[in-house]
Amino acid sequence: MTNLFSKIEKILKKPRPLIIILGPTASGKTALSLQLAKKYNCEIISADSRQIYKYMNISTDKLPRSAMAGIRHHLIDFVEPDQIYTAAEWKRDAISAVDEIYKRNRIPIIVGGTGLYINSIIYDYKIPQIPPQSAFRRRLEKLAKKYNTPYIYKKLQKIDPLAAKKILPNNLRYIIRALEINKFGKSHKLDKKGKHRQNTLLIGIKWPREKLYERIDKRIDEQIKRGLLREAKRLLKKYNPTLPSMTAIGCKEILPYLKGEKSLNETIQRLKYNTHNYCRRQIAWFKRIKNIIWLTPEEWDKIYTRTIL
């Protein structure tokens, strides 16, 4: 524990320091970020591709303003669910937020589980700014549903093998985006790396897999009690279910229930199963990032529950 604090304090003495708290869903990133922000006079920038959307408070487990402990948060709850918002736009807005935080003589903490967002900052990705092509995406999604995701992945391997090596074979969203950029951008998806960002400290919480699944399942049960079904019903009534926001975990699983095609128990089990799968993809992504300080659950608990900071 002392080692973590000494590393943070060492980074803070350097020019333009940045703390990044990353890891899979339900691992305790938010709780850790709040404690560190209070101790080190920080502001928080969300790196969550779902919490950007308005009105999706329960499904994205968005931190309510009353729980922010007076700490300023950025890039949360500012995009309409029917608005397209790309990783390139997030990188632009995150860098702008970082610069503004420095002007206030505070320290930025980037917190989230969206690997592409985090990598775009760590490695200064030059992300192609190709607008999403809805019809193209729908066609590939139908093919994936009919033949499975590896079938689409093989297409990417043929067209852009370098990009395919950097994308997990079961990550349909990223596979489709790579094919989209190749087709409409007339260039490869491979995000070009710039200079590795200096004076950056990466922190994560490493739970045993089964314990992390238990945390996920408990959170989903609580979301159901808090009104997840009502929230999803309102959203799916107003917005097209094929929108990226509506196909995120927490909405897409509930549509069959609202249509009377699945029972509540089946819906909850599917939601848990899909979240477990998402968690595994996140873990695989972050394994490829070097120099992460992984806290044990016991170390995290000391910070979170005993408020020793």
C-alpha atoms as a PDB file:
ATOM      1  CA  MET A   1       0.000   0.000   0.000  1.00  0.00           C
ATOM      2  CA  THR A   2       2.768   2.400   0.959  1.00  0.00           C
ATOM      3  CA  ASN A   3       4.438   1.531  -2.336  1.00  0.00           C
ATOM      4  CA  LEU A   4       1.364   2.676  -4.269  1.00  0.00           C
ATOM      5  CA  PHE A   5       1.230   6.018  -2.461  1.00  0.00           C
ATOM      6  CA  SER A   6       4.947   6.609  -2.934  1.00  0.00           C
ATOM      7  CA  LYS A   7       4.608   5.956  -6.668  1.00  0.00           C
ATOM      8  CA  ILE A   8       1.678   8.360  -6.909  1.00  0.00           C
ATOM      9  CA  GLU A   9       3.560  11.037  -5.026  1.00  0.00           C
ATOM     10  CA  LYS A  10       6.624  10.499  -7.214  1.00  0.00           C
ATOM     11  CA  ILE A  11       4.537  10.956 -10.381  1.00  0.00           C
ATOM     12  CA  LEU A  12       2.898  14.077  -8.971  1.00  0.00           C
ATOM     13  CA  LYS A  13       6.282  15.789  -8.731  1.00  0.00           C
ATOM     14  CA  LYS A  14       6.755  15.490 -12.496  1.00  0.00           C
ATOM     15  CA  PRO A  15       5.365  17.774 -15.242  1.00  0.00           C
ATOM     16  CA  ARG A  16       1.781  17.119 -16.356  1.00  0.00           C
ATOM     17  CA  PRO A  17       1.202  13.969 -14.274  1.00  0.00           C
ATOM     18  CA  LEU A  18      -1.718  11.697 -15.053  1.00  0.00           C
ATOM     19  CA  ILE A  19      -3.262   8.866 -13.025  1.00  0.00           C
ATOM     20  CA  ILE A  20      -5.290   6.223 -14.879  1.00  0.00           C
ATOM     21  CA  ILE A  21      -7.487   3.742 -12.993  1.00  0.00           C
ATOM     22  CA  LEU A  22      -8.519   0.927 -15.318  1.00  0.00           C
ATOM     23  CA  GLY A  23      -9.872  -2.593 -15.254  1.00  0.00           C
ATOM     24  CA  PRO A  24     -12.970  -4.697 -15.807  1.00  0.00           C
ATOM     25  CA  THR A  25     -16.496  -3.789 -14.841  1.00  0.00           C
ATOM     26  CA  ALA A  26     -17.473  -4.019 -11.140  1.00  0.00           C
ATOM     27  CA  SER A  27     -13.846  -4.142  -9.991  1.00  0.00           C
ATOM     28  CA  GLY A  28     -14.123  -1.052  -7.778  1.00  0.00           C
ATOM     29  CA  LYS A  29     -12.551   1.607 -10.003  1.00  0.00           C
ATOM     30  CA  THR A  30     -15.025   4.327  -9.034  1.00  0.00           C
ATOM     31  CA  ALA A  31     -14.566   3.837  -5.299  1.00  0.00           C
ATOM     32  CA  LEU A  32     -10.788   3.924  -5.646  1.00  0.00           C
ATOM     33  CA  SER A  33     -10.874   7.028  -7.835  1.00  0.00           C
ATOM     34  CA  LEU A  34     -12.958   8.955  -5.315  1.00  0.00           C
ATOM     35  CA  GLN A  35     -10.576   8.191  -2.470  1.00  0.00           C
ATOM     36  CA  LEU A  36      -7.470   9.122  -4.464  1.00  0.00           C
ATOM     37  CA  ALA A  37      -9.154  12.254  -5.817  1.00  0.00           C
ATOM     38  CA  LYS A  38      -9.934  13.438  -2.290  1.00  0.00           C
ATOM     39  CA  LYS A  39      -6.375  12.861  -1.109  1.00  0.00           C
ATOM     40  CA  TYR A  40      -4.510  14.315  -4.089  1.00  0.00           C
ATOM     41  CA  ASN A  41      -6.794  17.204  -5.165  1.00  0.00           C
ATOM     42  CA  CYS A  42      -7.889  15.575  -8.424  1.00  0.00           C
ATOM     43  CA  GLU A  43     -10.691  15.796 -10.962  1.00  0.00           C
ATOM     44  CA  ILE A  44     -12.031  12.672 -12.651  1.00  0.00           C
ATOM     45  CA  ILE A  45     -12.440  11.989 -16.370  1.00  0.00           C
ATOM     46  CA  SER A  46     -14.615   9.016 -17.278  1.00  0.00           C
ATOM     47  CA  ALA A  47     -13.286   6.524 -19.825  1.00  0.00           C
ATOM     48  CA  ASP A  48     -16.541   4.591 -20.116  1.00  0.00           C
ATOM     49  CA  SER A  49     -18.153   4.367 -23.559  1.00  0.00           C
ATOM     50  CA  ARG A  50     -21.598   3.769 -22.016  1.00  0.00           C
ATOM     51  CA  GLN A  51     -21.666   6.358 -19.260  1.00  0.00           C
ATOM     52  CA  ILE A  52     -21.328   9.099 -21.864  1.00  0.00           C
ATOM     53  CA  TYR A  53     -25.049   8.684 -22.667  1.00  0.00           C
ATOM     54  CA  LYS A  54     -27.833  10.640 -20.992  1.00  0.00           C
ATOM     55  CA  TYR A  55     -30.803   8.900 -19.342  1.00  0.00           C
ATOM     56  CA  MET A  56     -28.941   5.556 -19.007  1.00  0.00           C
ATOM     57  CA  ASN A  57     -28.247   5.957 -15.317  1.00  0.00           C
ATOM     58  CA  ILE A  58     -29.069   2.525 -13.921  1.00  0.00           C
ATOM     59  CA  SER A  59     -27.945   0.386 -16.866  1.00  0.00           C
ATOM     60  CA  THR A  60     -24.496   2.016 -16.898  1.00  0.00           C
ATOM     61  CA  ASP A  61     -24.279   2.168 -13.082  1.00  0.00           C
ATOM     62  CA  LYS A  62     -23.614   5.879 -13.372  1.00  0.00           C
ATOM     63  CA  LEU A  63     -22.434   7.593 -10.198  1.00  0.00           C
ATOM     64  CA  PRO A  64     -25.126  10.051  -9.027  1.00  0.00           C
ATOM     65  CA  ARG A  65     -24.010  13.608  -8.407  1.00  0.00           C
ATOM     66  CA  SER A  66     -24.833  13.251  -4.718  1.00  0.00           C
ATOM     67  CA  ALA A  67     -22.192  10.505  -4.427  1.00  0.00           C
ATOM     68  CA  MET A  68     -19.401  12.444  -6.174  1.00  0.00           C
ATOM     69  CA  ALA A  69     -18.223  13.925  -2.865  1.00  0.00           C
ATOM     70  CA  GLY A  70     -17.861  17.360  -4.443  1.00  0.00           C
ATOM     71  CA  ILE A  71     -15.272  16.066  -6.906  1.00  0.00           C
ATOM     72  CA  ARG A  72     -15.627  17.397 -10.428  1.00  0.00           C
ATOM     73  CA  HIS A  73     -16.344  14.707 -13.056  1.00  0.00           C
ATOM     74  CA  HIS A  74     -15.958  15.001 -16.828  1.00  0.00           C
ATOM     75  CA  LEU A  75     -17.321  13.135 -19.886  1.00  0.00           C
ATOM     76  CA  ILE A  76     -20.297  11.602 -18.094  1.00  0.00           C
ATOM     77  CA  ASP A  77     -23.939  12.020 -19.072  1.00  0.00           C
ATOM     78  CA  PHE A  78     -23.488  14.444 -21.969  1.00  0.00           C
ATOM     79  CA  VAL A  79     -24.339  12.560 -25.203  1.00  0.00           C
ATOM     80  CA  GLU A  80     -27.897  11.985 -26.454  1.00  0.00           C
ATOM     81  CA  PRO A  81     -28.621   8.242 -26.928  1.00  0.00           C
ATOM     82  CA  ASP A  82     -29.324   8.765 -30.635  1.00  0.00           C
ATOM     83  CA  GLN A  83     -26.101  10.715 -31.177  1.00  0.00           C
ATOM     84  CA  ILE A  84     -22.996   9.062 -32.646  1.00  0.00           C
ATOM     85  CA  TYR A  85     -19.909   9.716 -30.544  1.00  0.00           C
ATOM     86  CA  THR A  86     -16.623   8.143 -31.660  1.00  0.00           C
ATOM     87  CA  ALA A  87     -13.414   7.177 -29.881  1.00  0.00           C
ATOM     88  CA  ALA A  88     -11.639   9.953 -31.785  1.00  0.00           C
ATOM     89  CA  GLU A  89     -14.097  12.488 -30.322  1.00  0.00           C
ATOM     90  CA  TRP A  90     -13.635  11.061 -26.840  1.00  0.00           C
ATOM     91  CA  LYS A  91      -9.841  11.377 -27.136  1.00  0.00           C
ATOM     92  CA  ARG A  92     -10.199  14.989 -28.257  1.00  0.00           C
ATOM     93  CA  ASP A  93     -12.546  15.832 -25.375  1.00  0.00           C
ATOM     94  CA  ALA A  94     -10.461  13.950 -22.804  1.00  0.00           C
ATOM     95  CA  ILE A  95      -7.283  15.823 -23.765  1.00  0.00           C
ATOM     96  CA  SER A  96      -9.187  19.096 -23.552  1.00  0.00           C
ATOM     97  CA  ALA A  97     -10.440  18.154 -20.068  1.00  0.00           C
ATOM     98  CA  VAL A  98      -6.910  17.207 -18.959  1.00  0.00           C
ATOM     99  CA  ASP A  99      -5.592  20.584 -20.085  1.00  0.00           C
ATOM    100  CA  GLU A 100      -8.372  22.463 -18.265  1.00  0.00           C
ATOM    101  CA  ILE A 101      -7.706  20.509 -15.068  1.00  0.00           C
ATOM    102  CA  TYR A 102      -4.020  21.446 -15.158  1.00  0.00           C
ATOM    103  CA  LYS A 103      -5.016  25.110 -15.512  1.00  0.00           C
ATOM    104  CA  ARG A 104      -6.917  24.790 -12.234  1.00  0.00           C
ATOM    105  CA  ASN A 105      -3.754  23.388 -10.606  1.00  0.00           C
ATOM    106  CA  ARG A 106      -5.376  20.022 -10.068  1.00  0.00           C
ATOM    107  CA  ILE A 107      -4.467  16.478 -11.102  1.00  0.00           C
ATOM    108  CA  PRO A 108      -6.501  14.535 -13.696  1.00  0.00           C
ATOM    109  CA  ILE A 109      -7.524  10.941 -13.019  1.00  0.00           C
ATOM    110  CA  ILE A 110      -8.893   8.989 -15.979  1.00  0.00           C
ATOM    111  CA  VAL A 111     -11.181   6.188 -14.785  1.00  0.00           C
ATOM    112  CA  GLY A 112     -12.855   3.496 -16.837  1.00  0.00           C
ATOM    113  CA  GLY A 113     -12.934   0.154 -18.556  1.00  0.00           C
ATOM    114  CA  THR A 114     -13.108   1.092 -22.234  1.00  0.00           C
ATOM    115  CA  GLY A 115      -9.741  -0.137 -23.448  1.00  0.00           C
ATOM    116  CA  LEU A 116      -9.661   1.813 -26.697  1.00  0.00           C
ATOM    117  CA  TYR A 117     -10.307   5.081 -24.883  1.00  0.00           C
ATOM    118  CA  ILE A 118      -7.507   4.417 -22.416  1.00  0.00           C
ATOM    119  CA  ASN A 119      -5.047   3.247 -25.073  1.00  0.00           C
ATOM    120  CA  SER A 120      -5.757   6.350 -27.145  1.00  0.00           C
ATOM    121  CA  ILE A 121      -4.348   8.424 -24.287  1.00  0.00           C
ATOM    122  CA  ILE A 122      -1.500   6.156 -23.170  1.00  0.00           C
ATOM    123  CA  TYR A 123      -0.186   5.615 -26.705  1.00  0.00           C
ATOM    124  CA  ASP A 124      -1.530   8.787 -28.336  1.00  0.00           C
ATOM    125  CA  TYR A 125      -3.470   6.861 -30.973  1.00  0.00           C
ATOM    126  CA  LYS A 126      -4.097   8.650 -34.239  1.00  0.00           C
ATOM    127  CA  ILE A 127      -7.631   7.353 -34.684  1.00  0.00           C
ATOM    128  CA  PRO A 128      -9.149   7.558 -38.188  1.00  0.00           C
ATOM    129  CA  GLN A 129     -12.164   9.873 -38.069  1.00  0.00           C
ATOM    130  CA  ILE A 130     -14.529   7.917 -40.301  1.00  0.00           C
ATOM    131  CA  PRO A 131     -18.233   8.452 -39.484  1.00  0.00           C
ATOM    132  CA  PRO A 132     -20.167   5.286 -38.543  1.00  0.00           C
ATOM    133  CA  GLN A 133     -22.032   3.694 -41.451  1.00  0.00           C
ATOM    134  CA  SER A 134     -25.326   2.393 -40.051  1.00  0.00           C
ATOM    135  CA  ALA A 135     -26.423   0.255 -43.004  1.00  0.00           C
ATOM    136  CA  PHE A 136     -22.987  -1.373 -43.264  1.00  0.00           C
ATOM    137  CA  ARG A 137     -22.967  -2.125 -39.537  1.00  0.00           C
ATOM    138  CA  ARG A 138     -26.440  -3.660 -39.608  1.00  0.00           C
ATOM    139  CA  ARG A 139     -25.488  -5.928 -42.503  1.00  0.00           C
ATOM    140  CA  LEU A 140     -22.406  -7.240 -40.673  1.00  0.00           C
ATOM    141  CA  GLU A 141     -24.351  -7.664 -37.441  1.00  0.00           C
ATOM    142  CA  LYS A 142     -26.893  -9.825 -39.292  1.00  0.00           C
ATOM    143  CA  LEU A 143     -24.076 -11.908 -40.775  1.00  0.00           C
ATOM    144  CA  ALA A 144     -22.538 -12.336 -37.331  1.00  0.00           C
ATOM    145  CA  LYS A 145     -25.878 -13.430 -35.918  1.00  0.00           C
ATOM    146  CA  LYS A 146     -26.302 -15.954 -38.725  1.00  0.00           C
ATOM    147  CA  TYR A 147     -22.751 -17.313 -38.977  1.00  0.00           C
ATOM    148  CA  ASN A 148     -21.160 -16.144 -35.650  1.00  0.00           C
ATOM    149  CA  THR A 149     -18.538 -13.504 -34.846  1.00  0.00           C
ATOM    150  CA  PRO A 150     -15.446 -15.527 -35.911  1.00  0.00           C
ATOM    151  CA  TYR A 151     -16.910 -15.586 -39.424  1.00  0.00           C
ATOM    152  CA  ILE A 152     -16.714 -11.763 -39.532  1.00  0.00           C
ATOM    153  CA  TYR A 153     -13.295 -11.833 -37.892  1.00  0.00           C
ATOM    154  CA  LYS A 154     -11.955 -13.999 -40.732  1.00  0.00           C
ATOM    155  CA  LYS A 155     -13.060 -11.318 -43.184  1.00  0.00           C
ATOM    156  CA  LEU A 156     -10.999  -8.776 -41.262  1.00  0.00           C
ATOM    157  CA  GLN A 157      -7.993 -11.117 -41.220  1.00  0.00           C
ATOM    158  CA  LYS A 158      -8.073 -11.240 -45.014  1.00  0.00           C
ATOM    159  CA  ILE A 159      -8.567  -7.504 -45.508  1.00  0.00           C
ATOM    160  CA  ASP A 160      -6.411  -6.111 -42.699  1.00  0.00           C
ATOM    161  CA  PRO A 161      -4.342  -8.761 -40.865  1.00  0.00           C
ATOM    162  CA  LEU A 162      -2.419  -6.169 -38.852  1.00  0.00           C
ATOM    163  CA  ALA A 163      -5.609  -4.740 -37.369  1.00  0.00           C
ATOM    164  CA  ALA A 164      -6.975  -8.253 -36.776  1.00  0.00           C
ATOM    165  CA  LYS A 165      -3.972  -9.091 -34.599  1.00  0.00           C
ATOM    166  CA  LYS A 166      -4.852  -6.206 -32.295  1.00  0.00           C
ATOM    167  CA  ILE A 167      -8.544  -7.115 -31.918  1.00  0.00           C
ATOM    168  CA  LEU A 168      -9.961 -10.030 -29.961  1.00  0.00           C
ATOM    169  CA  PRO A 169     -11.750 -12.519 -32.268  1.00  0.00           C
ATOM    170  CA  ASN A 170     -14.992 -12.228 -30.287  1.00  0.00           C
ATOM    171  CA  ASN A 171     -15.113  -8.417 -30.110  1.00  0.00           C
ATOM    172  CA  LEU A 172     -17.706  -7.846 -32.807  1.00  0.00           C
ATOM    173  CA  ARG A 173     -17.958  -4.089 -32.254  1.00  0.00           C
ATOM    174  CA  TYR A 174     -14.260  -3.480 -32.879  1.00  0.00           C
ATOM    175  CA  ILE A 175     -14.147  -5.960 -35.777  1.00  0.00           C
ATOM    176  CA  ILE A 176     -16.983  -4.151 -37.548  1.00  0.00           C
ATOM    177  CA  ARG A 177     -15.361  -0.770 -36.906  1.00  0.00           C
ATOM    178  CA  ALA A 178     -12.101  -2.002 -38.460  1.00  0.00           C
ATOM    179  CA  LEU A 179     -13.927  -3.268 -41.556  1.00  0.00           C
ATOM    180  CA  GLU A 180     -15.876  -0.003 -41.724  1.00  0.00           C
ATOM    181  CA  ILE A 181     -12.705   2.093 -41.736  1.00  0.00           C
ATOM    182  CA  ASN A 182     -11.108  -0.108 -44.367  1.00  0.00           C
ATOM    183  CA  LYS A 183     -14.131   0.158 -46.647  1.00  0.00           C
ATOM    184  CA  PHE A 184     -15.109   3.801 -46.222  1.00  0.00           C
ATOM    185  CA  GLY A 185     -11.820   5.334 -45.171  1.00  0.00           C
ATOM    186  CA  LYS A 186      -9.785   3.582 -47.859  1.00  0.00           C
ATOM    187  CA  SER A 187      -7.144   2.865 -45.235  1.00  0.00           C
ATOM    188  CA  HIS A 188      -6.287   0.261 -42.648  1.00  0.00           C
ATOM    189  CA  LYS A 189      -7.848   0.383 -39.184  1.00  0.00           C
ATOM    190  CA  LEU A 190      -4.524  -0.033 -37.407  1.00  0.00           C
ATOM    191  CA  ASP A 191      -4.515   2.967 -35.077  1.00  0.00           C
ATOM    192  CA  LYS A 192      -1.168   4.669 -35.479  1.00  0.00           C
ATOM    193  CA  LYS A 193       0.648   5.152 -32.228  1.00  0.00           C
ATOM    194  CA  GLY A 194       2.238   8.427 -31.378  1.00  0.00           C
ATOM    195  CA  LYS A 195       4.694   8.976 -28.577  1.00  0.00           C
ATOM    196  CA  HIS A 196       4.044   7.006 -25.382  1.00  0.00           C
ATOM    197  CA  ARG A 197       2.687   9.385 -22.740  1.00  0.00           C
ATOM    198  CA  GLN A 198       5.175  10.145 -20.004  1.00  0.00           C
ATOM    199  CA  ASN A 199       4.493  10.705 -16.297  1.00  0.00           C
ATOM    200  CA  THR A 200       1.480   8.404 -16.309  1.00  0.00           C
ATOM    201  CA  LEU A 201       0.616   5.951 -13.527  1.00  0.00           C
ATOM    202  CA  LEU A 202      -1.689   3.009 -14.309  1.00  0.00           C
ATOM    203  CA  ILE A 203      -3.615   1.384 -11.465  1.00  0.00           C
ATOM    204  CA  GLY A 204      -6.072  -1.532 -11.473  1.00  0.00           C
ATOM    205  CA  ILE A 205      -7.789  -3.891  -9.020  1.00  0.00           C
ATOM    206  CA  LYS A 206      -7.211  -7.584  -9.709  1.00  0.00           C
ATOM    207  CA  TRP A 207      -9.962  -9.839  -8.394  1.00  0.00           C
ATOM    208  CA  PRO A 208     -10.162 -13.638  -8.644  1.00  0.00           C
ATOM    209  CA  ARG A 209     -12.427 -14.325 -11.632  1.00  0.00           C
ATOM    210  CA  GLU A 210     -15.230 -16.020  -9.686  1.00  0.00           C
ATOM    211  CA  LYS A 211     -15.261 -13.270  -7.055  1.00  0.00           C
ATOM    212  CA  LEU A 212     -15.528 -10.647  -9.783  1.00  0.00           C
ATOM    213  CA  TYR A 213     -18.481 -12.545 -11.284  1.00  0.00           C
ATOM    214  CA  GLU A 214     -20.141 -12.493  -7.855  1.00  0.00           C
ATOM    215  CA  ARG A 215     -19.690  -8.717  -7.699  1.00  0.00           C
ATOM    216  CA  ILE A 216     -21.191  -8.379 -11.187  1.00  0.00           C
ATOM    217  CA  ASP A 217     -24.184 -10.552 -10.313  1.00  0.00           C
ATOM    218  CA  LYS A 218     -24.828  -8.671  -7.079  1.00  0.00           C
ATOM    219  CA  ARG A 219     -24.718  -5.351  -8.911  1.00  0.00           C
ATOM    220  CA  ILE A 220     -27.158  -6.569 -11.569  1.00  0.00           C
ATOM    221  CA  ASP A 221     -29.599  -7.769  -8.885  1.00  0.00           C
ATOM    222  CA  GLU A 222     -29.391  -4.315  -7.300  1.00  0.00           C
ATOM    223  CA  GLN A 223     -29.938  -2.628 -10.678  1.00  0.00           C
ATOM    224  CA  ILE A 224     -33.114  -4.656 -11.179  1.00  0.00           C
ATOM    225  CA  LYS A 225     -34.370  -3.513  -7.760  1.00  0.00           C
ATOM    226  CA  ARG A 226     -33.489   0.102  -8.580  1.00  0.00           C
ATOM    227  CA  GLY A 227     -35.649   0.061 -11.720  1.00  0.00           C
ATOM    228  CA  LEU A 228     -33.471  -1.158 -14.607  1.00  0.00           C
ATOM    229  CA  LEU A 229     -36.476  -2.625 -16.433  1.00  0.00           C
ATOM    230  CA  ARG A 230     -38.414   0.658 -16.246  1.00  0.00           C
ATOM    231  CA  GLU A 231     -35.410   2.607 -17.470  1.00  0.00           C
ATOM    232  CA  ALA A 232     -34.847   0.262 -20.409  1.00  0.00           C
ATOM    233  CA  LYS A 233     -38.546   0.378 -21.306  1.00  0.00           C
ATOM    234  CA  ARG A 234     -38.506   4.194 -21.441  1.00  0.00           C
ATOM    235  CA  LEU A 235     -35.352   4.228 -23.555  1.00  0.00           C
ATOM    236  CA  LEU A 236     -36.427   1.532 -25.997  1.00  0.00           C
ATOM    237  CA  LYS A 237     -39.785   3.233 -26.420  1.00  0.00           C
ATOM    238  CA  LYS A 238     -38.107   6.475 -27.451  1.00  0.00           C
ATOM    239  CA  TYR A 239     -34.976   5.314 -29.306  1.00  0.00           C
ATOM    240  CA  ASN A 240     -34.260   2.888 -32.117  1.00  0.00           C
ATOM    241  CA  PRO A 241     -33.084  -0.434 -30.603  1.00  0.00           C
ATOM    242  CA  THR A 242     -30.333  -0.707 -33.252  1.00  0.00           C
ATOM    243  CA  LEU A 243     -28.538   2.441 -32.017  1.00  0.00           C
ATOM    244  CA  PRO A 244     -25.101   1.801 -30.427  1.00  0.00           C
ATOM    245  CA  SER A 245     -26.420   3.116 -27.097  1.00  0.00           C
ATOM    246  CA  MET A 246     -29.395   0.751 -27.142  1.00  0.00           C
ATOM    247  CA  THR A 247     -27.309  -2.287 -28.082  1.00  0.00           C
ATOM    248  CA  ALA A 248     -25.122  -1.814 -24.990  1.00  0.00           C
ATOM    249  CA  ILE A 249     -25.358  -4.342 -22.179  1.00  0.00           C
ATOM    250  CA  GLY A 250     -28.301  -3.463 -19.974  1.00  0.00           C
ATOM    251  CA  CYS A 251     -30.707  -2.568 -22.772  1.00  0.00           C
ATOM    252  CA  LYS A 252     -30.394  -5.202 -25.480  1.00  0.00           C
ATOM    253  CA  GLU A 253     -30.995  -8.079 -23.049  1.00  0.00           C
ATOM    254  CA  ILE A 254     -34.239  -6.539 -21.838  1.00  0.00           C
ATOM    255  CA  LEU A 255     -35.895  -6.039 -25.234  1.00  0.00           C
ATOM    256  CA  PRO A 256     -36.945  -9.727 -25.563  1.00  0.00           C
ATOM    257  CA  TYR A 257     -38.518  -9.508 -22.098  1.00  0.00           C
ATOM    258  CA  LEU A 258     -40.468  -6.384 -23.039  1.00  0.00           C
ATOM    259  CA  LYS A 259     -41.695  -8.189 -26.156  1.00  0.00           C
ATOM    260  CA  GLY A 260     -42.865 -11.135 -24.065  1.00  0.00           C
ATOM    261  CA  GLU A 261     -40.309 -13.463 -25.643  1.00  0.00           C
ATOM    262  CA  LYS A 262     -38.296 -14.139 -22.466  1.00  0.00           C
ATOM    263  CA  SER A 263     -39.131 -14.491 -18.787  1.00  0.00           C
ATOM    264  CA  LEU A 264     -37.695 -12.152 -16.181  1.00  0.00           C
ATOM    265  CA  ASN A 265     -35.430 -14.886 -14.839  1.00  0.00           C
ATOM    266  CA  GLU A 266     -34.121 -15.681 -18.348  1.00  0.00           C
ATOM    267  CA  THR A 267     -33.518 -11.973 -18.919  1.00  0.00           C
ATOM    268  CA  ILE A 268     -31.534 -11.552 -15.717  1.00  0.00           C
ATOM    269  CA  GLN A 269     -29.447 -14.654 -16.416  1.00  0.00           C
ATOM    270  CA  ARG A 270     -28.702 -13.453 -19.953  1.00  0.00           C
ATOM    271  CA  LEU A 271     -27.700 -10.052 -18.614  1.00  0.00           C
ATOM    272  CA  LYS A 272     -25.309 -11.657 -16.134  1.00  0.00           C
ATOM    273  CA  TYR A 273     -23.894 -14.023 -18.757  1.00  0.00           C
ATOM    274  CA  ASN A 274     -23.252 -11.193 -21.246  1.00  0.00           C
ATOM    275  CA  THR A 275     -21.650  -9.041 -18.559  1.00  0.00           C
ATOM    276  CA  HIS A 276     -19.333 -11.912 -17.606  1.00  0.00           C
ATOM    277  CA  ASN A 277     -18.308 -12.197 -21.257  1.00  0.00           C
ATOM    278  CA  TYR A 278     -17.691  -8.459 -21.465  1.00  0.00           C
ATOM    279  CA  CYS A 279     -15.610  -8.656 -18.294  1.00  0.00           C
ATOM    280  CA  ARG A 280     -13.433 -11.390 -19.837  1.00  0.00           C
ATOM    281  CA  ARG A 281     -12.830  -9.260 -22.927  1.00  0.00           C
ATOM    282  CA  GLN A 282     -11.802  -6.333 -20.749  1.00  0.00           C
ATOM    283  CA  ILE A 283      -9.378  -8.490 -18.765  1.00  0.00           C
ATOM    284  CA  ALA A 284      -7.819  -9.814 -21.990  1.00  0.00           C
ATOM    285  CA  TRP A 285      -7.433  -6.257 -23.294  1.00  0.00           C
ATOM    286  CA  PHE A 286      -5.739  -4.908 -20.172  1.00  0.00           C
ATOM    287  CA  LYS A 287      -3.356  -7.859 -20.005  1.00  0.00           C
ATOM    288  CA  ARG A 288      -1.680  -6.376 -23.072  1.00  0.00           C
ATOM    289  CA  ILE A 289      -0.901  -3.095 -21.326  1.00  0.00           C
ATOM    290  CA  LYS A 290       2.414  -2.991 -19.495  1.00  0.00           C
ATOM    291  CA  ASN A 291       3.352  -1.361 -16.192  1.00  0.00           C
ATOM    292  CA  ILE A 292      -0.051  -1.531 -14.494  1.00  0.00           C
ATOM    293  CA  ILE A 293       0.052  -1.525 -10.694  1.00  0.00           C
ATOM    294  CA  TRP A 294      -2.479  -4.225  -9.782  1.00  0.00           C
ATOM    295  CA  LEU A 295      -3.947  -3.891  -6.301  1.00  0.00           C
ATOM    296  CA  THR A 296      -5.192  -6.970  -4.500  1.00  0.00           C
ATOM    297  CA  PRO A 297      -8.789  -6.936  -3.208  1.00  0.00           C
ATOM    298  CA  GLU A 298      -7.372  -6.599   0.306  1.00  0.00           C
ATOM    299  CA  GLU A 299      -5.373  -3.507  -0.649  1.00  0.00           C
ATOM    300  CA  TRP A 300      -8.396  -2.014  -2.387  1.00  0.00           C
ATOM    301  CA  ASP A 301     -10.552  -2.748   0.661  1.00  0.00           C
ATOM    302  CA  LYS A 302      -8.175  -0.884   2.968  1.00  0.00           C
ATOM    303  CA  ILE A 303      -8.506   2.220   0.822  1.00  0.00           C
ATOM    304  CA  TYR A 304     -12.247   1.921   0.264  1.00  0.00           C
ATOM    305  CA  THR A 305     -13.667   0.784   3.598  1.00  0.00           C
ATOM    306  CA  ARG A 306     -11.126   1.955   6.138  1.00  0.00           C
ATOM    307  CA  THR A 307     -10.464   5.329   4.500  1.00  0.00           C
ATOM    308  CA  ILE A 308      -6.822   5.212   5.537  1.00  0.00           C
ATOM    309  CA  LEU A 309      -5.863   7.904   3.025  1.00  0.00           C
END
